[in-house]
Amino acid sequence: MKIFVAGLPYDLDDDELVEIFEKFGTIISAKVAMDKETGKSKGFGFIEMQNDAEALDAIESLNDISLGKKPLVVKKAEEGNSRPPGSGPNSRPGGGNSSGGFNRDRRY
């Protein structure tokens, strides 16, 4: 099962993420999301655990605990696109940023 975790301290790395979750079972992978431009953590990551029951135990045990300034959000990762629909740079036909009409704010 793949798990999403948010609210991570910005100085936490992949190995430390493994340490947090390995208490609950076998970790297949653990990755803290990093900003490509700055190389700094985005404060969230993904963990893949071998056993679903152990993953569910980790989610229940770790959700809403504080590792730093904010409580963790730990939940089963959603399959597929991680962006909400319509949030990408080319979400409108033609990729434009049109406001959808002429004289929209004009009052008559």
PDB file of N, CA and C in Angstrom:
ATOM      1  N   MET A   1       0.846  -1.187   0.000  1.00  0.00           N
ATOM      2  CA  MET A   1       0.000   0.000   0.000  1.00  0.00           C
ATOM      3  C   MET A   1       0.885   1.242   0.000  1.00  0.00           C
ATOM      4  N   LYS A   2       0.496   2.206  -0.806  1.00  0.00           N
ATOM      5  CA  LYS A   2       1.217   3.469  -0.860  1.00  0.00           C
ATOM      6  C   LYS A   2       0.548   4.466   0.089  1.00  0.00           C
ATOM      7  N   ILE A   3       1.361   5.149   0.875  1.00  0.00           N
ATOM      8  CA  ILE A   3       0.874   6.086   1.895  1.00  0.00           C
ATOM      9  C   ILE A   3       1.386   7.482   1.569  1.00  0.00           C
ATOM     10  N   PHE A   4       0.512   8.456   1.732  1.00  0.00           N
ATOM     11  CA  PHE A   4       0.863   9.873   1.595  1.00  0.00           C
ATOM     12  C   PHE A   4       1.032  10.447   2.992  1.00  0.00           C
ATOM     13  N   VAL A   5       2.092  11.216   3.195  1.00  0.00           N
ATOM     14  CA  VAL A   5       2.298  11.867   4.491  1.00  0.00           C
ATOM     15  C   VAL A   5       2.690  13.326   4.266  1.00  0.00           C
ATOM     16  N   ALA A   6       1.964  14.229   4.922  1.00  0.00           N
ATOM     17  CA  ALA A   6       2.221  15.669   4.827  1.00  0.00           C
ATOM     18  C   ALA A   6       2.475  16.213   6.229  1.00  0.00           C
ATOM     19  N   GLY A   7       3.036  17.420   6.269  1.00  0.00           N
ATOM     20  CA  GLY A   7       3.348  18.047   7.555  1.00  0.00           C
ATOM     21  C   GLY A   7       4.713  17.627   8.067  1.00  0.00           C
ATOM     22  N   LEU A   8       5.554  17.093   7.156  1.00  0.00           N
ATOM     23  CA  LEU A   8       6.898  16.677   7.558  1.00  0.00           C
ATOM     24  C   LEU A   8       7.782  17.893   7.830  1.00  0.00           C
ATOM     25  N   PRO A   9       8.675  17.791   8.802  1.00  0.00           N
ATOM     26  CA  PRO A   9       9.654  18.858   8.988  1.00  0.00           C
ATOM     27  C   PRO A   9      10.488  18.998   7.708  1.00  0.00           C
ATOM     28  N   TYR A  10      10.850  20.206   7.364  1.00  0.00           N
ATOM     29  CA  TYR A  10      11.546  20.451   6.098  1.00  0.00           C
ATOM     30  C   TYR A  10      12.972  19.898   6.071  1.00  0.00           C
ATOM     31  N   ASP A  11      13.519  19.544   7.219  1.00  0.00           N
ATOM     32  CA  ASP A  11      14.874  18.980   7.242  1.00  0.00           C
ATOM     33  C   ASP A  11      14.871  17.453   7.301  1.00  0.00           C
ATOM     34  N   LEU A  12      13.713  16.819   7.225  1.00  0.00           N
ATOM     35  CA  LEU A  12      13.600  15.368   7.277  1.00  0.00           C
ATOM     36  C   LEU A  12      13.949  14.772   5.912  1.00  0.00           C
ATOM     37  N   ASP A  13      14.770  13.705   5.906  1.00  0.00           N
ATOM     38  CA  ASP A  13      15.151  13.087   4.634  1.00  0.00           C
ATOM     39  C   ASP A  13      14.524  11.700   4.480  1.00  0.00           C
ATOM     40  N   ASP A  14      14.802  11.050   3.350  1.00  0.00           N
ATOM     41  CA  ASP A  14      14.217   9.743   3.040  1.00  0.00           C
ATOM     42  C   ASP A  14      14.524   8.706   4.123  1.00  0.00           C
ATOM     43  N   ASP A  15      15.773   8.661   4.590  1.00  0.00           N
ATOM     44  CA  ASP A  15      16.165   7.669   5.598  1.00  0.00           C
ATOM     45  C   ASP A  15      15.405   7.866   6.907  1.00  0.00           C
ATOM     46  N   GLU A  16      15.197   9.112   7.284  1.00  0.00           N
ATOM     47  CA  GLU A  16      14.448   9.391   8.514  1.00  0.00           C
ATOM     48  C   GLU A  16      12.976   9.019   8.347  1.00  0.00           C
ATOM     49  N   LEU A  17      12.465   9.178   7.136  1.00  0.00           N
ATOM     50  CA  LEU A  17      11.082   8.775   6.854  1.00  0.00           C
ATOM     51  C   LEU A  17      10.941   7.263   7.007  1.00  0.00           C
ATOM     52  N   VAL A  18      11.928   6.524   6.522  1.00  0.00           N
ATOM     53  CA  VAL A  18      11.938   5.068   6.693  1.00  0.00           C
ATOM     54  C   VAL A  18      11.936   4.721   8.178  1.00  0.00           C
ATOM     55  N   GLU A  19      12.770   5.391   8.963  1.00  0.00           N
ATOM     56  CA  GLU A  19      12.862   5.114  10.400  1.00  0.00           C
ATOM     57  C   GLU A  19      11.515   5.274  11.101  1.00  0.00           C
ATOM     58  N   ILE A  20      10.750   6.261  10.697  1.00  0.00           N
ATOM     59  CA  ILE A  20       9.447   6.513  11.316  1.00  0.00           C
ATOM     60  C   ILE A  20       8.472   5.373  11.015  1.00  0.00           C
ATOM     61  N   PHE A  21       8.472   4.908   9.774  1.00  0.00           N
ATOM     62  CA  PHE A  21       7.469   3.933   9.342  1.00  0.00           C
ATOM     63  C   PHE A  21       7.892   2.480   9.509  1.00  0.00           C
ATOM     64  N   GLU A  22       9.200   2.182   9.591  1.00  0.00           N
ATOM     65  CA  GLU A  22       9.632   0.793   9.648  1.00  0.00           C
ATOM     66  C   GLU A  22       9.225   0.107  10.955  1.00  0.00           C
ATOM     67  N   LYS A  23       8.857   0.878  11.959  1.00  0.00           N
ATOM     68  CA  LYS A  23       8.368   0.308  13.215  1.00  0.00           C
ATOM     69  C   LYS A  23       7.071  -0.468  12.995  1.00  0.00           C
ATOM     70  N   PHE A  24       6.381  -0.159  11.910  1.00  0.00           N
ATOM     71  CA  PHE A  24       5.081  -0.772  11.650  1.00  0.00           C
ATOM     72  C   PHE A  24       5.146  -1.936  10.668  1.00  0.00           C
ATOM     73  N   GLY A  25       6.282  -2.073   9.955  1.00  0.00           N
ATOM     74  CA  GLY A  25       6.407  -3.172   9.005  1.00  0.00           C
ATOM     75  C   GLY A  25       7.451  -2.903   7.939  1.00  0.00           C
ATOM     76  N   THR A  26       7.450  -3.763   6.923  1.00  0.00           N
ATOM     77  CA  THR A  26       8.446  -3.703   5.858  1.00  0.00           C
ATOM     78  C   THR A  26       8.162  -2.556   4.901  1.00  0.00           C
ATOM     79  N   ILE A  27       9.174  -1.727   4.683  1.00  0.00           N
ATOM     80  CA  ILE A  27       9.079  -0.582   3.780  1.00  0.00           C
ATOM     81  C   ILE A  27       9.640  -0.986   2.419  1.00  0.00           C
ATOM     82  N   ILE A  28       8.880  -0.762   1.368  1.00  0.00           N
ATOM     83  CA  ILE A  28       9.358  -1.007   0.009  1.00  0.00           C
ATOM     84  C   ILE A  28      10.111   0.223  -0.483  1.00  0.00           C
ATOM     85  N   SER A  29       9.526   1.407  -0.240  1.00  0.00           N
ATOM     86  CA  SER A  29      10.181   2.651  -0.641  1.00  0.00           C
ATOM     87  C   SER A  29       9.675   3.798   0.230  1.00  0.00           C
ATOM     88  N   ALA A  30      10.496   4.831   0.326  1.00  0.00           N
ATOM     89  CA  ALA A  30      10.129   6.048   1.053  1.00  0.00           C
ATOM     90  C   ALA A  30      10.812   7.215   0.355  1.00  0.00           C
ATOM     91  N   LYS A  31      10.025   8.229   0.041  1.00  0.00           N
ATOM     92  CA  LYS A  31      10.569   9.362  -0.715  1.00  0.00           C
ATOM     93  C   LYS A  31       9.946  10.661  -0.222  1.00  0.00           C
ATOM     94  N   VAL A  32      10.817  11.575   0.227  1.00  0.00           N
ATOM     95  CA  VAL A  32      10.376  12.926   0.568  1.00  0.00           C
ATOM     96  C   VAL A  32      10.378  13.731  -0.725  1.00  0.00           C
ATOM     97  N   ALA A  33       9.286  14.442  -1.014  1.00  0.00           N
ATOM     98  CA  ALA A  33       9.200  15.262  -2.224  1.00  0.00           C
ATOM     99  C   ALA A  33      10.122  16.468  -2.082  1.00  0.00           C
ATOM    100  N   MET A  34      10.927  16.683  -3.128  1.00  0.00           N
ATOM    101  CA  MET A  34      11.899  17.778  -3.117  1.00  0.00           C
ATOM    102  C   MET A  34      11.589  18.772  -4.225  1.00  0.00           C
ATOM    103  N   ASP A  35      11.789  20.058  -3.939  1.00  0.00           N
ATOM    104  CA  ASP A  35      11.624  21.100  -4.941  1.00  0.00           C
ATOM    105  C   ASP A  35      12.787  21.017  -5.922  1.00  0.00           C
ATOM    106  N   LYS A  36      12.476  20.936  -7.209  1.00  0.00           N
ATOM    107  CA  LYS A  36      13.525  20.779  -8.220  1.00  0.00           C
ATOM    108  C   LYS A  36      14.454  21.985  -8.299  1.00  0.00           C
ATOM    109  N   GLU A  37      13.921  23.160  -8.085  1.00  0.00           N
ATOM    110  CA  GLU A  37      14.733  24.377  -8.207  1.00  0.00           C
ATOM    111  C   GLU A  37      15.622  24.621  -6.991  1.00  0.00           C
ATOM    112  N   THR A  38      15.078  24.436  -5.794  1.00  0.00           N
ATOM    113  CA  THR A  38      15.835  24.762  -4.584  1.00  0.00           C
ATOM    114  C   THR A  38      16.516  23.550  -3.956  1.00  0.00           C
ATOM    115  N   GLY A  39      16.033  22.342  -4.286  1.00  0.00           N
ATOM    116  CA  GLY A  39      16.578  21.140  -3.679  1.00  0.00           C
ATOM    117  C   GLY A  39      16.122  20.934  -2.248  1.00  0.00           C
ATOM    118  N   LYS A  40      15.146  21.726  -1.808  1.00  0.00           N
ATOM    119  CA  LYS A  40      14.644  21.624  -0.437  1.00  0.00           C
ATOM    120  C   LYS A  40      13.357  20.808  -0.396  1.00  0.00           C
ATOM    121  N   SER A  41      13.076  20.244   0.753  1.00  0.00           N
ATOM    122  CA  SER A  41      11.879  19.439   0.958  1.00  0.00           C
ATOM    123  C   SER A  41      10.616  20.276   0.769  1.00  0.00           C
ATOM    124  N   LYS A  42       9.577  19.638   0.224  1.00  0.00           N
ATOM    125  CA  LYS A  42       8.276  20.295   0.106  1.00  0.00           C
ATOM    126  C   LYS A  42       7.396  20.013   1.320  1.00  0.00           C
ATOM    127  N   GLY A  43       7.891  19.220   2.265  1.00  0.00           N
ATOM    128  CA  GLY A  43       7.136  18.951   3.493  1.00  0.00           C
ATOM    129  C   GLY A  43       6.158  17.796   3.386  1.00  0.00           C
ATOM    130  N   PHE A  44       6.246  17.019   2.296  1.00  0.00           N
ATOM    131  CA  PHE A  44       5.410  15.828   2.188  1.00  0.00           C
ATOM    132  C   PHE A  44       6.189  14.735   1.485  1.00  0.00           C
ATOM    133  N   GLY A  45       5.650  13.513   1.551  1.00  0.00           N
ATOM    134  CA  GLY A  45       6.332  12.399   0.921  1.00  0.00           C
ATOM    135  C   GLY A  45       5.412  11.202   0.770  1.00  0.00           C
ATOM    136  N   PHE A  46       5.986  10.130   0.257  1.00  0.00           N
ATOM    137  CA  PHE A  46       5.244   8.900   0.023  1.00  0.00           C
ATOM    138  C   PHE A  46       6.037   7.719   0.553  1.00  0.00           C
ATOM    139  N   ILE A  47       5.319   6.770   1.132  1.00  0.00           N
ATOM    140  CA  ILE A  47       5.903   5.552   1.653  1.00  0.00           C
ATOM    141  C   ILE A  47       5.118   4.400   1.048  1.00  0.00           C
ATOM    142  N   GLU A  48       5.824   3.380   0.608  1.00  0.00           N
ATOM    143  CA  GLU A  48       5.138   2.182   0.137  1.00  0.00           C
ATOM    144  C   GLU A  48       5.496   1.049   1.073  1.00  0.00           C
ATOM    145  N   MET A  49       4.457   0.423   1.629  1.00  0.00           N
ATOM    146  CA  MET A  49       4.660  -0.673   2.569  1.00  0.00           C
ATOM    147  C   MET A  49       4.192  -1.975   1.927  1.00  0.00           C
ATOM    148  N   GLN A  50       4.879  -3.064   2.300  1.00  0.00           N
ATOM    149  CA  GLN A  50       4.609  -4.366   1.704  1.00  0.00           C
ATOM    150  C   GLN A  50       3.256  -4.921   2.126  1.00  0.00           C
ATOM    151  N   ASN A  51       2.868  -4.706   3.362  1.00  0.00           N
ATOM    152  CA  ASN A  51       1.669  -5.326   3.919  1.00  0.00           C
ATOM    153  C   ASN A  51       0.599  -4.269   4.183  1.00  0.00           C
ATOM    154  N   ASP A  52      -0.599  -4.466   3.637  1.00  0.00           N
ATOM    155  CA  ASP A  52      -1.687  -3.488   3.796  1.00  0.00           C
ATOM    156  C   ASP A  52      -2.104  -3.317   5.256  1.00  0.00           C
ATOM    157  N   ALA A  53      -2.147  -4.401   6.017  1.00  0.00           N
ATOM    158  CA  ALA A  53      -2.559  -4.302   7.421  1.00  0.00           C
ATOM    159  C   ALA A  53      -1.553  -3.463   8.212  1.00  0.00           C
ATOM    160  N   GLU A  54      -0.258  -3.658   7.945  1.00  0.00           N
ATOM    161  CA  GLU A  54       0.769  -2.865   8.617  1.00  0.00           C
ATOM    162  C   GLU A  54       0.682  -1.402   8.195  1.00  0.00           C
ATOM    163  N   ALA A  55       0.401  -1.175   6.914  1.00  0.00           N
ATOM    164  CA  ALA A  55       0.259   0.193   6.413  1.00  0.00           C
ATOM    165  C   ALA A  55      -0.910   0.895   7.094  1.00  0.00           C
ATOM    166  N   LEU A  56      -2.022   0.200   7.222  1.00  0.00           N
ATOM    167  CA  LEU A  56      -3.200   0.786   7.887  1.00  0.00           C
ATOM    168  C   LEU A  56      -2.900   1.091   9.357  1.00  0.00           C
ATOM    169  N   ASP A  57      -2.126   0.218  10.009  1.00  0.00           N
ATOM    170  CA  ASP A  57      -1.716   0.453  11.393  1.00  0.00           C
ATOM    171  C   ASP A  57      -0.841   1.706  11.483  1.00  0.00           C
ATOM    172  N   ALA A  58       0.081   1.860  10.529  1.00  0.00           N
ATOM    173  CA  ALA A  58       0.943   3.048  10.500  1.00  0.00           C
ATOM    174  C   ALA A  58       0.111   4.308  10.308  1.00  0.00           C
ATOM    175  N   ILE A  59      -0.850   4.256   9.391  1.00  0.00           N
ATOM    176  CA  ILE A  59      -1.716   5.418   9.137  1.00  0.00           C
ATOM    177  C   ILE A  59      -2.461   5.799  10.409  1.00  0.00           C
ATOM    178  N   GLU A  60      -3.062   4.804  11.053  1.00  0.00           N
ATOM    179  CA  GLU A  60      -3.852   5.076  12.258  1.00  0.00           C
ATOM    180  C   GLU A  60      -2.981   5.593  13.404  1.00  0.00           C
ATOM    181  N   SER A  61      -1.785   5.050  13.530  1.00  0.00           N
ATOM    182  CA  SER A  61      -0.901   5.423  14.636  1.00  0.00           C
ATOM    183  C   SER A  61      -0.224   6.777  14.442  1.00  0.00           C
ATOM    184  N   LEU A  62       0.115   7.116  13.188  1.00  0.00           N
ATOM    185  CA  LEU A  62       0.909   8.318  12.943  1.00  0.00           C
ATOM    186  C   LEU A  62       0.107   9.544  12.531  1.00  0.00           C
ATOM    187  N   ASN A  63      -1.122   9.339  12.059  1.00  0.00           N
ATOM    188  CA  ASN A  63      -1.922  10.490  11.634  1.00  0.00           C
ATOM    189  C   ASN A  63      -2.187  11.412  12.813  1.00  0.00           C
ATOM    190  N   ASP A  64      -1.945  12.688  12.609  1.00  0.00           N
ATOM    191  CA  ASP A  64      -2.230  13.747  13.584  1.00  0.00           C
ATOM    192  C   ASP A  64      -1.226  13.836  14.741  1.00  0.00           C
ATOM    193  N   ILE A  65      -0.084  13.124  14.630  1.00  0.00           N
ATOM    194  CA  ILE A  65       0.950  13.340  15.645  1.00  0.00           C
ATOM    195  C   ILE A  65       1.873  14.454  15.155  1.00  0.00           C
ATOM    196  N   SER A  66       2.563  15.099  16.076  1.00  0.00           N
ATOM    197  CA  SER A  66       3.462  16.193  15.698  1.00  0.00           C
ATOM    198  C   SER A  66       4.909  15.735  15.707  1.00  0.00           C
ATOM    199  N   LEU A  67       5.584  15.937  14.572  1.00  0.00           N
ATOM    200  CA  LEU A  67       7.028  15.707  14.493  1.00  0.00           C
ATOM    201  C   LEU A  67       7.773  17.027  14.562  1.00  0.00           C
ATOM    202  N   GLY A  68       7.088  18.074  14.226  1.00  0.00           N
ATOM    203  CA  GLY A  68       7.682  19.403  14.227  1.00  0.00           C
ATOM    204  C   GLY A  68       6.645  20.402  14.675  1.00  0.00           C
ATOM    205  N   LYS A  69       6.477  21.446  13.879  1.00  0.00           N
ATOM    206  CA  LYS A  69       5.534  22.503  14.222  1.00  0.00           C
ATOM    207  C   LYS A  69       4.094  22.152  13.889  1.00  0.00           C
ATOM    208  N   LYS A  70       3.899  21.235  12.897  1.00  0.00           N
ATOM    209  CA  LYS A  70       2.546  20.903  12.473  1.00  0.00           C
ATOM    210  C   LYS A  70       2.273  19.416  12.652  1.00  0.00           C
ATOM    211  N   PRO A  71       1.010  19.068  12.836  1.00  0.00           N
ATOM    212  CA  PRO A  71       0.669  17.641  12.932  1.00  0.00           C
ATOM    213  C   PRO A  71       0.781  16.977  11.556  1.00  0.00           C
ATOM    214  N   LEU A  72       1.146  15.709  11.569  1.00  0.00           N
ATOM    215  CA  LEU A  72       1.235  14.942  10.323  1.00  0.00           C
ATOM    216  C   LEU A  72      -0.159  14.630   9.789  1.00  0.00           C
ATOM    217  N   VAL A  73      -0.264  14.588   8.489  1.00  0.00           N
ATOM    218  CA  VAL A  73      -1.445  14.065   7.811  1.00  0.00           C
ATOM    219  C   VAL A  73      -0.957  12.794   7.132  1.00  0.00           C
ATOM    220  N   VAL A  74      -1.473  11.653   7.567  1.00  0.00           N
ATOM    221  CA  VAL A  74      -1.043  10.364   7.037  1.00  0.00           C
ATOM    222  C   VAL A  74      -2.281   9.640   6.542  1.00  0.00           C
ATOM    223  N   LYS A  75      -2.278   9.292   5.253  1.00  0.00           N
ATOM    224  CA  LYS A  75      -3.446   8.616   4.677  1.00  0.00           C
ATOM    225  C   LYS A  75      -3.016   7.781   3.481  1.00  0.00           C
ATOM    226  N   LYS A  76      -3.911   6.898   3.080  1.00  0.00           N
ATOM    227  CA  LYS A  76      -3.649   6.088   1.897  1.00  0.00           C
ATOM    228  C   LYS A  76      -3.514   7.026   0.704  1.00  0.00           C
ATOM    229  N   ALA A  77      -2.459   6.830  -0.092  1.00  0.00           N
ATOM    230  CA  ALA A  77      -2.231   7.678  -1.263  1.00  0.00           C
ATOM    231  C   ALA A  77      -3.299   7.393  -2.312  1.00  0.00           C
ATOM    232  N   GLU A  78      -3.749   8.456  -2.957  1.00  0.00           N
ATOM    233  CA  GLU A  78      -4.733   8.304  -4.030  1.00  0.00           C
ATOM    234  C   GLU A  78      -4.014   7.887  -5.295  1.00  0.00           C
ATOM    235  N   GLU A  79      -4.611   6.965  -6.016  1.00  0.00           N
ATOM    236  CA  GLU A  79      -4.008   6.497  -7.262  1.00  0.00           C
ATOM    237  C   GLU A  79      -4.183   7.553  -8.342  1.00  0.00           C
ATOM    238  N   GLY A  80      -3.232   7.579  -9.284  1.00  0.00           N
ATOM    239  CA  GLY A  80      -3.372   8.461 -10.439  1.00  0.00           C
ATOM    240  C   GLY A  80      -2.757   9.815 -10.225  1.00  0.00           C
ATOM    241  N   ASN A  81      -3.332  10.804 -10.892  1.00  0.00           N
ATOM    242  CA  ASN A  81      -2.790  12.155 -10.923  1.00  0.00           C
ATOM    243  C   ASN A  81      -2.832  12.785  -9.538  1.00  0.00           C
ATOM    244  N   SER A  82      -1.713  13.375  -9.126  1.00  0.00           N
ATOM    245  CA  SER A  82      -1.668  13.999  -7.804  1.00  0.00           C
ATOM    246  C   SER A  82      -2.194  15.430  -7.799  1.00  0.00           C
ATOM    247  N   ARG A  83      -2.444  15.986  -8.996  1.00  0.00           N
ATOM    248  CA  ARG A  83      -2.996  17.347  -9.069  1.00  0.00           C
ATOM    249  C   ARG A  83      -4.516  17.298  -9.172  1.00  0.00           C
ATOM    250  N   PRO A  84      -5.185  18.257  -8.560  1.00  0.00           N
ATOM    251  CA  PRO A  84      -6.632  18.319  -8.728  1.00  0.00           C
ATOM    252  C   PRO A  84      -6.974  18.613 -10.190  1.00  0.00           C
ATOM    253  N   PRO A  85      -8.117  18.129 -10.672  1.00  0.00           N
ATOM    254  CA  PRO A  85      -8.499  18.396 -12.061  1.00  0.00           C
ATOM    255  C   PRO A  85      -8.517  19.889 -12.357  1.00  0.00           C
ATOM    256  N   GLY A  86      -7.969  20.249 -13.506  1.00  0.00           N
ATOM    257  CA  GLY A  86      -8.011  21.649 -13.931  1.00  0.00           C
ATOM    258  C   GLY A  86      -6.953  22.522 -13.321  1.00  0.00           C
ATOM    259  N   SER A  87      -5.965  21.935 -12.613  1.00  0.00           N
ATOM    260  CA  SER A  87      -4.973  22.784 -11.970  1.00  0.00           C
ATOM    261  C   SER A  87      -3.666  22.888 -12.736  1.00  0.00           C
ATOM    262  N   GLY A  88      -3.516  22.123 -13.796  1.00  0.00           N
ATOM    263  CA  GLY A  88      -2.264  22.126 -14.552  1.00  0.00           C
ATOM    264  C   GLY A  88      -2.125  23.342 -15.439  1.00  0.00           C
ATOM    265  N   PRO A  89      -0.898  23.581 -15.949  1.00  0.00           N
ATOM    266  CA  PRO A  89      -0.665  24.762 -16.785  1.00  0.00           C
ATOM    267  C   PRO A  89      -1.415  24.720 -18.114  1.00  0.00           C
ATOM    268  N   ASN A  90      -1.763  23.555 -18.574  1.00  0.00           N
ATOM    269  CA  ASN A  90      -2.484  23.429 -19.837  1.00  0.00           C
ATOM    270  C   ASN A  90      -3.894  22.891 -19.616  1.00  0.00           C
ATOM    271  N   SER A  91      -4.516  23.297 -18.529  1.00  0.00           N
ATOM    272  CA  SER A  91      -5.816  22.739 -18.186  1.00  0.00           C
ATOM    273  C   SER A  91      -6.947  23.249 -19.066  1.00  0.00           C
ATOM    274  N   ARG A  92      -6.753  24.393 -19.692  1.00  0.00           N
ATOM    275  CA  ARG A  92      -7.776  24.907 -20.613  1.00  0.00           C
ATOM    276  C   ARG A  92      -7.383  24.569 -22.033  1.00  0.00           C
ATOM    277  N   PRO A  93      -8.359  24.365 -22.912  1.00  0.00           N
ATOM    278  CA  PRO A  93      -8.009  24.093 -24.307  1.00  0.00           C
ATOM    279  C   PRO A  93      -7.106  25.201 -24.842  1.00  0.00           C
ATOM    280  N   GLY A  94      -6.016  24.807 -25.468  1.00  0.00           N
ATOM    281  CA  GLY A  94      -5.077  25.788 -25.988  1.00  0.00           C
ATOM    282  C   GLY A  94      -4.114  26.304 -24.948  1.00  0.00           C
ATOM    283  N   GLY A  95      -4.291  25.942 -23.694  1.00  0.00           N
ATOM    284  CA  GLY A  95      -3.376  26.333 -22.626  1.00  0.00           C
ATOM    285  C   GLY A  95      -3.432  27.803 -22.263  1.00  0.00           C
ATOM    286  N   GLY A  96      -4.432  28.512 -22.708  1.00  0.00           N
ATOM    287  CA  GLY A  96      -4.504  29.947 -22.435  1.00  0.00           C
ATOM    288  C   GLY A  96      -5.048  30.256 -21.074  1.00  0.00           C
ATOM    289  N   ASN A  97      -4.942  31.494 -20.697  1.00  0.00           N
ATOM    290  CA  ASN A  97      -5.461  31.945 -19.408  1.00  0.00           C
ATOM    291  C   ASN A  97      -6.607  32.920 -19.606  1.00  0.00           C
ATOM    292  N   SER A  98      -7.439  32.662 -20.554  1.00  0.00           N
ATOM    293  CA  SER A  98      -8.558  33.539 -20.874  1.00  0.00           C
ATOM    294  C   SER A  98      -9.527  33.639 -19.705  1.00  0.00           C
ATOM    295  N   SER A  99     -10.121  34.781 -19.557  1.00  0.00           N
ATOM    296  CA  SER A  99     -11.085  34.949 -18.478  1.00  0.00           C
ATOM    297  C   SER A  99     -12.455  34.415 -18.874  1.00  0.00           C
ATOM    298  N   GLY A 100     -12.601  33.979 -20.120  1.00  0.00           N
ATOM    299  CA  GLY A 100     -13.843  33.323 -20.517  1.00  0.00           C
ATOM    300  C   GLY A 100     -14.865  34.237 -21.149  1.00  0.00           C
ATOM    301  N   GLY A 101     -14.570  35.467 -21.410  1.00  0.00           N
ATOM    302  CA  GLY A 101     -15.565  36.322 -22.056  1.00  0.00           C
ATOM    303  C   GLY A 101     -15.056  37.733 -22.258  1.00  0.00           C
ATOM    304  N   PHE A 102     -15.680  38.446 -23.181  1.00  0.00           N
ATOM    305  CA  PHE A 102     -15.324  39.834 -23.450  1.00  0.00           C
ATOM    306  C   PHE A 102     -16.087  40.747 -22.519  1.00  0.00           C
ATOM    307  N   ASN A 103     -15.444  41.792 -22.070  1.00  0.00           N
ATOM    308  CA  ASN A 103     -16.102  42.812 -21.245  1.00  0.00           C
ATOM    309  C   ASN A 103     -16.796  42.216 -20.031  1.00  0.00           C
ATOM    310  N   ARG A 104     -16.205  41.221 -19.477  1.00  0.00           N
ATOM    311  CA  ARG A 104     -16.825  40.500 -18.379  1.00  0.00           C
ATOM    312  C   ARG A 104     -17.116  41.401 -17.174  1.00  0.00           C
ATOM    313  N   ASP A 105     -16.197  42.298 -16.871  1.00  0.00           N
ATOM    314  CA  ASP A 105     -16.358  43.145 -15.692  1.00  0.00           C
ATOM    315  C   ASP A 105     -17.004  44.488 -16.011  1.00  0.00           C
ATOM    316  N   ARG A 106     -17.322  44.687 -17.224  1.00  0.00           N
ATOM    317  CA  ARG A 106     -17.880  45.964 -17.632  1.00  0.00           C
ATOM    318  C   ARG A 106     -19.345  46.066 -17.228  1.00  0.00           C
ATOM    319  N   ARG A 107     -19.703  47.167 -16.663  1.00  0.00           N
ATOM    320  CA  ARG A 107     -21.100  47.362 -16.271  1.00  0.00           C
ATOM    321  C   ARG A 107     -21.777  48.275 -17.272  1.00  0.00           C
ATOM    322  N   TYR A 108     -22.978  47.961 -17.664  1.00  0.00           N
ATOM    323  CA  TYR A 108     -23.727  48.737 -18.649  1.00  0.00           C
ATOM    324  C   TYR A 108     -24.773  49.605 -17.998  1.00  0.00           C
TER     325      TYR A 108
END
